[in-house]
Structure formats: structure tokens, C-alpha cells
Amino acid sequence: MGPLAITLILLLGLAGFGYLCWRKLAIVAALQPEVRWDRPGERLKRLLSIGVLQSRMIAASSGQG
């Protein structure tokens, strides 16, 4: 396969990737901002429970026994 064919395949691949990225980023750009500073006590509790202690992973693994 010659360099011209490889160049065309590369350009088509990059164009397809760019198109998919554009579609995904357009969805993200259309989202509304979210307030993340409300309920700090509840958020800290969930961070410790789910993030640090991994309570969801423990619950999922104990259900399969």
C-alpha cells in the first residue's frame, strides 16, 4: 500500500474522530451548570461512604455470594 493510500486512510480516520468528538462536545456544551456547593454535610458523608469506604462495591460483591 502506497503512502498516498495510507495518508488518505489516516485523514479519513482523523475526520471521523473529529466528527464524533464534535457531536459529544456539543452535548456537553448544551448542559446547564450544576450547583455543587449545596448540602455540604450530605455531600461529605456520601464522599466518605462511597468514595473512601467503597460501600457500593462492598454491597455489589456481597450480593453475588
PDB file of N, CA and C in Angstrom:
ATOM      1  N   MET A   1       0.866  -1.175   0.000  1.00  0.00           N
ATOM      2  CA  MET A   1       0.000   0.000   0.000  1.00  0.00           C
ATOM      3  C   MET A   1       0.908   1.232   0.000  1.00  0.00           C
ATOM      4  N   GLY A   2       0.615   2.138  -0.882  1.00  0.00           N
ATOM      5  CA  GLY A   2       1.471   3.306  -1.043  1.00  0.00           C
ATOM      6  C   GLY A   2       1.213   4.385  -0.004  1.00  0.00           C
ATOM      7  N   PRO A   3       2.117   5.336   0.045  1.00  0.00           N
ATOM      8  CA  PRO A   3       1.988   6.422   1.012  1.00  0.00           C
ATOM      9  C   PRO A   3       0.728   7.270   0.808  1.00  0.00           C
ATOM     10  N   LEU A   4       0.286   7.382  -0.435  1.00  0.00           N
ATOM     11  CA  LEU A   4      -0.925   8.163  -0.705  1.00  0.00           C
ATOM     12  C   LEU A   4      -2.152   7.488  -0.104  1.00  0.00           C
ATOM     13  N   ALA A   5      -2.252   6.179  -0.241  1.00  0.00           N
ATOM     14  CA  ALA A   5      -3.389   5.444   0.318  1.00  0.00           C
ATOM     15  C   ALA A   5      -3.373   5.518   1.847  1.00  0.00           C
ATOM     16  N   ILE A   6      -2.199   5.366   2.431  1.00  0.00           N
ATOM     17  CA  ILE A   6      -2.103   5.445   3.899  1.00  0.00           C
ATOM     18  C   ILE A   6      -2.467   6.841   4.376  1.00  0.00           C
ATOM     19  N   THR A   7      -2.051   7.855   3.644  1.00  0.00           N
ATOM     20  CA  THR A   7      -2.391   9.232   4.003  1.00  0.00           C
ATOM     21  C   THR A   7      -3.899   9.453   3.939  1.00  0.00           C
ATOM     22  N   LEU A   8      -4.547   8.937   2.899  1.00  0.00           N
ATOM     23  CA  LEU A   8      -5.996   9.082   2.773  1.00  0.00           C
ATOM     24  C   LEU A   8      -6.728   8.350   3.898  1.00  0.00           C
ATOM     25  N   ILE A   9      -6.283   7.149   4.228  1.00  0.00           N
ATOM     26  CA  ILE A   9      -6.905   6.405   5.327  1.00  0.00           C
ATOM     27  C   ILE A   9      -6.735   7.157   6.637  1.00  0.00           C
ATOM     28  N   LEU A  10      -5.545   7.699   6.873  1.00  0.00           N
ATOM     29  CA  LEU A  10      -5.285   8.470   8.085  1.00  0.00           C
ATOM     30  C   LEU A  10      -6.175   9.702   8.151  1.00  0.00           C
ATOM     31  N   LEU A  11      -6.304  10.410   7.050  1.00  0.00           N
ATOM     32  CA  LEU A  11      -7.141  11.608   7.028  1.00  0.00           C
ATOM     33  C   LEU A  11      -8.620  11.270   7.249  1.00  0.00           C
ATOM     34  N   LEU A  12      -9.081  10.164   6.649  1.00  0.00           N
ATOM     35  CA  LEU A  12     -10.472   9.747   6.870  1.00  0.00           C
ATOM     36  C   LEU A  12     -10.701   9.368   8.334  1.00  0.00           C
ATOM     37  N   GLY A  13      -9.754   8.685   8.921  1.00  0.00           N
ATOM     38  CA  GLY A  13      -9.871   8.316  10.328  1.00  0.00           C
ATOM     39  C   GLY A  13      -9.896   9.537  11.228  1.00  0.00           C
ATOM     40  N   LEU A  14      -9.021  10.485  10.977  1.00  0.00           N
ATOM     41  CA  LEU A  14      -8.996  11.713  11.775  1.00  0.00           C
ATOM     42  C   LEU A  14     -10.266  12.531  11.585  1.00  0.00           C
ATOM     43  N   ALA A  15     -10.786  12.564  10.370  1.00  0.00           N
ATOM     44  CA  ALA A  15     -12.032  13.296  10.117  1.00  0.00           C
ATOM     45  C   ALA A  15     -13.191  12.640  10.866  1.00  0.00           C
ATOM     46  N   GLY A  16     -13.256  11.321  10.841  1.00  0.00           N
ATOM     47  CA  GLY A  16     -14.308  10.614  11.579  1.00  0.00           C
ATOM     48  C   GLY A  16     -14.196  10.839  13.072  1.00  0.00           C
ATOM     49  N   PHE A  17     -12.980  10.778  13.593  1.00  0.00           N
ATOM     50  CA  PHE A  17     -12.766  11.031  15.014  1.00  0.00           C
ATOM     51  C   PHE A  17     -13.166  12.452  15.384  1.00  0.00           C
ATOM     52  N   GLY A  18     -12.795  13.418  14.549  1.00  0.00           N
ATOM     53  CA  GLY A  18     -13.156  14.805  14.806  1.00  0.00           C
ATOM     54  C   GLY A  18     -14.670  15.011  14.809  1.00  0.00           C
ATOM     55  N   TYR A  19     -15.352  14.345  13.881  1.00  0.00           N
ATOM     56  CA  TYR A  19     -16.812  14.450  13.824  1.00  0.00           C
ATOM     57  C   TYR A  19     -17.458  13.886  15.079  1.00  0.00           C
ATOM     58  N   LEU A  20     -16.993  12.723  15.534  1.00  0.00           N
ATOM     59  CA  LEU A  20     -17.548  12.133  16.758  1.00  0.00           C
ATOM     60  C   LEU A  20     -17.263  13.008  17.982  1.00  0.00           C
ATOM     61  N   CYS A  21     -16.057  13.563  18.043  1.00  0.00           N
ATOM     62  CA  CYS A  21     -15.733  14.470  19.155  1.00  0.00           C
ATOM     63  C   CYS A  21     -16.630  15.696  19.135  1.00  0.00           C
ATOM     64  N   TRP A  22     -16.854  16.242  17.968  1.00  0.00           N
ATOM     65  CA  TRP A  22     -17.693  17.430  17.829  1.00  0.00           C
ATOM     66  C   TRP A  22     -19.104  17.152  18.350  1.00  0.00           C
ATOM     67  N   ARG A  23     -19.661  15.991  17.982  1.00  0.00           N
ATOM     68  CA  ARG A  23     -21.010  15.633  18.439  1.00  0.00           C
ATOM     69  C   ARG A  23     -21.068  15.502  19.958  1.00  0.00           C
ATOM     70  N   LYS A  24     -20.084  14.841  20.550  1.00  0.00           N
ATOM     71  CA  LYS A  24     -20.077  14.641  22.004  1.00  0.00           C
ATOM     72  C   LYS A  24     -19.877  15.967  22.738  1.00  0.00           C
ATOM     73  N   LEU A  25     -18.977  16.798  22.246  1.00  0.00           N
ATOM     74  CA  LEU A  25     -18.721  18.077  22.908  1.00  0.00           C
ATOM     75  C   LEU A  25     -19.894  19.038  22.752  1.00  0.00           C
ATOM     76  N   ALA A  26     -20.662  18.924  21.691  1.00  0.00           N
ATOM     77  CA  ALA A  26     -21.849  19.764  21.530  1.00  0.00           C
ATOM     78  C   ALA A  26     -22.883  19.427  22.606  1.00  0.00           C
ATOM     79  N   ILE A  27     -22.997  18.156  22.960  1.00  0.00           N
ATOM     80  CA  ILE A  27     -23.910  17.751  24.035  1.00  0.00           C
ATOM     81  C   ILE A  27     -23.453  18.340  25.356  1.00  0.00           C
ATOM     82  N   VAL A  28     -22.166  18.254  25.638  1.00  0.00           N
ATOM     83  CA  VAL A  28     -21.623  18.779  26.894  1.00  0.00           C
ATOM     84  C   VAL A  28     -21.789  20.298  26.950  1.00  0.00           C
ATOM     85  N   ALA A  29     -21.576  20.974  25.846  1.00  0.00           N
ATOM     86  CA  ALA A  29     -21.692  22.432  25.813  1.00  0.00           C
ATOM     87  C   ALA A  29     -23.129  22.892  26.049  1.00  0.00           C
ATOM     88  N   ALA A  30     -24.113  22.062  25.717  1.00  0.00           N
ATOM     89  CA  ALA A  30     -25.510  22.446  25.875  1.00  0.00           C
ATOM     90  C   ALA A  30     -26.024  22.230  27.298  1.00  0.00           C
ATOM     91  N   LEU A  31     -25.255  21.570  28.139  1.00  0.00           N
ATOM     92  CA  LEU A  31     -25.707  21.289  29.508  1.00  0.00           C
ATOM     93  C   LEU A  31     -25.732  22.555  30.356  1.00  0.00           C
ATOM     94  N   GLN A  32     -26.618  22.564  31.322  1.00  0.00           N
ATOM     95  CA  GLN A  32     -26.716  23.678  32.255  1.00  0.00           C
ATOM     96  C   GLN A  32     -25.730  23.470  33.403  1.00  0.00           C
ATOM     97  N   PRO A  33     -25.230  24.557  33.982  1.00  0.00           N
ATOM     98  CA  PRO A  33     -24.313  24.402  35.122  1.00  0.00           C
ATOM     99  C   PRO A  33     -25.038  23.809  36.329  1.00  0.00           C
ATOM    100  N   GLU A  34     -24.304  23.062  37.130  1.00  0.00           N
ATOM    101  CA  GLU A  34     -24.880  22.407  38.294  1.00  0.00           C
ATOM    102  C   GLU A  34     -24.278  23.011  39.560  1.00  0.00           C
ATOM    103  N   VAL A  35     -25.129  23.284  40.543  1.00  0.00           N
ATOM    104  CA  VAL A  35     -24.662  23.818  41.819  1.00  0.00           C
ATOM    105  C   VAL A  35     -24.060  22.664  42.616  1.00  0.00           C
ATOM    106  N   ARG A  36     -22.789  22.782  42.945  1.00  0.00           N
ATOM    107  CA  ARG A  36     -22.115  21.706  43.668  1.00  0.00           C
ATOM    108  C   ARG A  36     -21.730  22.110  45.087  1.00  0.00           C
ATOM    109  N   TRP A  37     -22.126  23.261  45.523  1.00  0.00           N
ATOM    110  CA  TRP A  37     -21.774  23.693  46.871  1.00  0.00           C
ATOM    111  C   TRP A  37     -22.958  23.635  47.825  1.00  0.00           C
ATOM    112  N   ASP A  38     -24.095  23.088  47.385  1.00  0.00           N
ATOM    113  CA  ASP A  38     -25.238  22.969  48.282  1.00  0.00           C
ATOM    114  C   ASP A  38     -25.116  21.659  49.073  1.00  0.00           C
ATOM    115  N   ARG A  39     -25.730  21.594  50.248  1.00  0.00           N
ATOM    116  CA  ARG A  39     -25.742  20.425  51.129  1.00  0.00           C
ATOM    117  C   ARG A  39     -24.340  19.865  51.385  1.00  0.00           C
ATOM    118  N   PRO A  40     -23.430  20.682  51.937  1.00  0.00           N
ATOM    119  CA  PRO A  40     -22.053  20.205  52.110  1.00  0.00           C
ATOM    120  C   PRO A  40     -21.950  19.015  53.071  1.00  0.00           C
ATOM    121  N   GLY A  41     -22.795  18.963  54.091  1.00  0.00           N
ATOM    122  CA  GLY A  41     -22.741  17.844  55.033  1.00  0.00           C
ATOM    123  C   GLY A  41     -23.110  16.526  54.371  1.00  0.00           C
ATOM    124  N   GLU A  42     -24.185  16.534  53.615  1.00  0.00           N
ATOM    125  CA  GLU A  42     -24.625  15.322  52.921  1.00  0.00           C
ATOM    126  C   GLU A  42     -23.599  14.882  51.874  1.00  0.00           C
ATOM    127  N   ARG A  43     -23.024  15.849  51.173  1.00  0.00           N
ATOM    128  CA  ARG A  43     -22.037  15.521  50.151  1.00  0.00           C
ATOM    129  C   ARG A  43     -20.763  14.942  50.776  1.00  0.00           C
ATOM    130  N   LEU A  44     -20.346  15.482  51.911  1.00  0.00           N
ATOM    131  CA  LEU A  44     -19.163  14.952  52.594  1.00  0.00           C
ATOM    132  C   LEU A  44     -19.421  13.533  53.093  1.00  0.00           C
ATOM    133  N   LYS A  45     -20.617  13.291  53.628  1.00  0.00           N
ATOM    134  CA  LYS A  45     -20.976  11.957  54.107  1.00  0.00           C
ATOM    135  C   LYS A  45     -20.945  10.948  52.958  1.00  0.00           C
ATOM    136  N   ARG A  46     -21.505  11.319  51.814  1.00  0.00           N
ATOM    137  CA  ARG A  46     -21.506  10.419  50.648  1.00  0.00           C
ATOM    138  C   ARG A  46     -20.106  10.210  50.105  1.00  0.00           C
ATOM    139  N   LEU A  47     -19.269  11.249  50.143  1.00  0.00           N
ATOM    140  CA  LEU A  47     -17.884  11.113  49.701  1.00  0.00           C
ATOM    141  C   LEU A  47     -17.161  10.084  50.552  1.00  0.00           C
ATOM    142  N   LEU A  48     -17.319  10.182  51.865  1.00  0.00           N
ATOM    143  CA  LEU A  48     -16.653   9.234  52.750  1.00  0.00           C
ATOM    144  C   LEU A  48     -17.210   7.825  52.575  1.00  0.00           C
ATOM    145  N   SER A  49     -18.535   7.713  52.454  1.00  0.00           N
ATOM    146  CA  SER A  49     -19.174   6.405  52.356  1.00  0.00           C
ATOM    147  C   SER A  49     -18.871   5.716  51.023  1.00  0.00           C
ATOM    148  N   ILE A  50     -19.101   6.420  49.932  1.00  0.00           N
ATOM    149  CA  ILE A  50     -18.960   5.807  48.609  1.00  0.00           C
ATOM    150  C   ILE A  50     -17.525   5.931  48.095  1.00  0.00           C
ATOM    151  N   GLY A  51     -16.937   7.092  48.244  1.00  0.00           N
ATOM    152  CA  GLY A  51     -15.612   7.322  47.680  1.00  0.00           C
ATOM    153  C   GLY A  51     -14.485   6.681  48.444  1.00  0.00           C
ATOM    154  N   VAL A  52     -14.504   6.798  49.756  1.00  0.00           N
ATOM    155  CA  VAL A  52     -13.393   6.286  50.560  1.00  0.00           C
ATOM    156  C   VAL A  52     -13.640   4.850  50.988  1.00  0.00           C
ATOM    157  N   LEU A  53     -14.811   4.570  51.545  1.00  0.00           N
ATOM    158  CA  LEU A  53     -15.095   3.231  52.056  1.00  0.00           C
ATOM    159  C   LEU A  53     -15.593   2.265  50.991  1.00  0.00           C
ATOM    160  N   GLN A  54     -15.908   2.781  49.799  1.00  0.00           N
ATOM    161  CA  GLN A  54     -16.351   1.950  48.670  1.00  0.00           C
ATOM    162  C   GLN A  54     -17.574   1.106  49.031  1.00  0.00           C
ATOM    163  N   SER A  55     -18.585   1.731  49.639  1.00  0.00           N
ATOM    164  CA  SER A  55     -19.762   0.994  50.095  1.00  0.00           C
ATOM    165  C   SER A  55     -20.546   0.355  48.946  1.00  0.00           C
ATOM    166  N   ARG A  56     -20.534   0.972  47.773  1.00  0.00           N
ATOM    167  CA  ARG A  56     -21.239   0.370  46.633  1.00  0.00           C
ATOM    168  C   ARG A  56     -20.543  -0.904  46.153  1.00  0.00           C
ATOM    169  N   MET A  57     -19.231  -0.909  46.189  1.00  0.00           N
ATOM    170  CA  MET A  57     -18.500  -2.099  45.751  1.00  0.00           C
ATOM    171  C   MET A  57     -18.711  -3.245  46.735  1.00  0.00           C
ATOM    172  N   ILE A  58     -18.762  -2.932  48.012  1.00  0.00           N
ATOM    173  CA  ILE A  58     -18.980  -3.958  49.031  1.00  0.00           C
ATOM    174  C   ILE A  58     -20.385  -4.529  48.896  1.00  0.00           C
ATOM    175  N   ALA A  59     -21.386  -3.667  48.671  1.00  0.00           N
ATOM    176  CA  ALA A  59     -22.770  -4.116  48.519  1.00  0.00           C
ATOM    177  C   ALA A  59     -22.917  -4.976  47.268  1.00  0.00           C
ATOM    178  N   ALA A  60     -22.237  -4.608  46.191  1.00  0.00           N
ATOM    179  CA  ALA A  60     -22.360  -5.376  44.942  1.00  0.00           C
ATOM    180  C   ALA A  60     -21.691  -6.742  45.073  1.00  0.00           C
ATOM    181  N   SER A  61     -20.559  -6.797  45.767  1.00  0.00           N
ATOM    182  CA  SER A  61     -19.848  -8.080  45.864  1.00  0.00           C
ATOM    183  C   SER A  61     -20.503  -9.023  46.860  1.00  0.00           C
ATOM    184  N   SER A  62     -21.187  -8.487  47.873  1.00  0.00           N
ATOM    185  CA  SER A  62     -21.837  -9.371  48.843  1.00  0.00           C
ATOM    186  C   SER A  62     -23.147  -9.949  48.299  1.00  0.00           C
ATOM    187  N   GLY A  63     -23.729  -9.321  47.277  1.00  0.00           N
ATOM    188  CA  GLY A  63     -24.978  -9.811  46.696  1.00  0.00           C
ATOM    189  C   GLY A  63     -24.775 -10.989  45.756  1.00  0.00           C
ATOM    190  N   GLN A  64     -23.545 -11.245  45.320  1.00  0.00           N
ATOM    191  CA  GLN A  64     -23.298 -12.326  44.370  1.00  0.00           C
ATOM    192  C   GLN A  64     -23.014 -13.660  45.051  1.00  0.00           C
ATOM    193  N   GLY A  65     -22.738 -13.685  46.371  1.00  0.00           N
ATOM    194  CA  GLY A  65     -22.302 -14.865  47.104  1.00  0.00           C
ATOM    195  C   GLY A  65     -23.181 -16.011  46.983  1.00  0.00           C
TER     196      GLY A  65
END
